[in-house]
Amino acid sequence: MASNKPSLPANRGFVVQLYADAKPEQGDFRGRVEHLASYEAAHFTSVAELTAFIARILKAQEQEEARDMERDEV
């Protein structure tokens, strides 16, 4: 059965830019990340900071969607 949802929804899109002198092959992940739907952005100096930003954005988005669904049910 085909799904009507896109496999890569736009509201889960991010742009990750690494600084020119970052060396990811040596574990040096530094740069900037931006959420495409909200334009919220942050600089990061590690993979942990990058993933924490993404997780925070997605969690907030899920909470907002849940609130919207609750409002619709009332």
Protein backbone atom coordinates (compact mmCIF):
# COMPACT_ATOMS: atom_id res chain seq x y z
CA MET A 1 0.00 0.00 0.00
CA ALA A 2 1.48 3.36 -1.03
CA SER A 3 1.78 6.11 1.57
CA ASN A 4 0.55 9.63 0.88
CA LYS A 5 3.25 11.05 3.15
CA PRO A 6 6.52 12.07 1.51
CA SER A 7 9.49 9.98 2.58
CA LEU A 8 11.45 13.19 3.17
CA PRO A 9 8.99 15.75 4.58
CA ALA A 10 10.13 19.36 4.22
CA ASN A 11 9.44 20.21 7.88
CA ARG A 12 12.17 17.73 8.84
CA GLY A 13 14.77 19.28 6.54
CA PHE A 14 18.01 20.81 7.78
CA VAL A 15 21.02 22.40 6.09
CA VAL A 16 24.37 21.63 7.68
CA GLN A 17 27.40 23.73 6.76
CA LEU A 18 30.86 22.81 8.00
CA TYR A 19 33.45 25.51 8.54
CA ALA A 20 36.13 25.55 5.85
CA ASP A 21 38.80 24.48 8.34
CA ALA A 22 36.72 21.73 9.99
CA LYS A 23 38.19 18.26 9.65
CA PRO A 24 35.33 15.77 10.01
CA GLU A 25 37.63 12.89 9.06
CA GLN A 26 39.47 13.69 12.32
CA GLY A 27 36.30 14.11 14.35
CA ASP A 28 36.31 17.92 14.05
CA PHE A 29 32.66 18.75 13.36
CA ARG A 30 32.18 22.50 13.57
CA GLY A 31 29.76 24.63 11.63
CA ARG A 32 26.21 25.89 11.37
CA VAL A 33 22.85 24.11 11.07
CA GLU A 34 19.54 25.61 9.97
CA HIS A 35 16.03 24.17 10.10
CA LEU A 36 14.46 24.81 6.70
CA ALA A 37 10.86 25.20 7.89
CA SER A 38 11.46 27.59 10.81
CA TYR A 39 14.77 29.18 9.77
CA GLU A 40 16.01 28.55 13.30
CA ALA A 41 19.79 28.19 13.22
CA ALA A 42 22.67 27.40 15.54
CA HIS A 43 26.42 27.04 15.44
CA PHE A 44 27.85 23.74 16.66
CA THR A 45 31.29 22.56 17.67
CA SER A 46 30.60 18.81 17.90
CA VAL A 47 28.37 16.09 16.53
CA ALA A 48 26.67 16.03 19.94
CA GLU A 49 25.72 19.71 19.65
CA LEU A 50 24.51 19.19 16.08
CA THR A 51 22.29 16.25 16.99
CA ALA A 52 21.03 18.00 20.14
CA PHE A 53 19.86 20.96 18.01
CA ILE A 54 18.08 18.67 15.55
CA ALA A 55 16.46 16.66 18.35
CA ARG A 56 15.27 19.84 20.10
CA ILE A 57 13.70 21.20 16.91
CA LEU A 58 11.96 17.93 16.08
CA LYS A 59 10.67 17.49 19.64
CA ALA A 60 9.23 21.01 19.67
CA GLN A 61 7.64 20.36 16.29
CA GLU A 62 6.05 17.12 17.52
CA GLN A 63 4.70 18.87 20.63
CA GLU A 64 3.20 21.63 18.50
CA GLU A 65 1.55 19.09 16.20
CA ALA A 66 0.10 17.26 19.24
CA ARG A 67 -1.33 20.53 20.60
CA ASP A 68 -2.85 21.28 17.20
CA MET A 69 -4.48 17.84 17.12
CA GLU A 70 -5.89 18.34 20.63
CA ARG A 71 -7.37 21.70 19.61
CA ASP A 72 -8.96 20.14 16.54
CA GLU A 73 -10.62 17.47 18.70
CA VAL A 74 -12.32 20.05 20.93
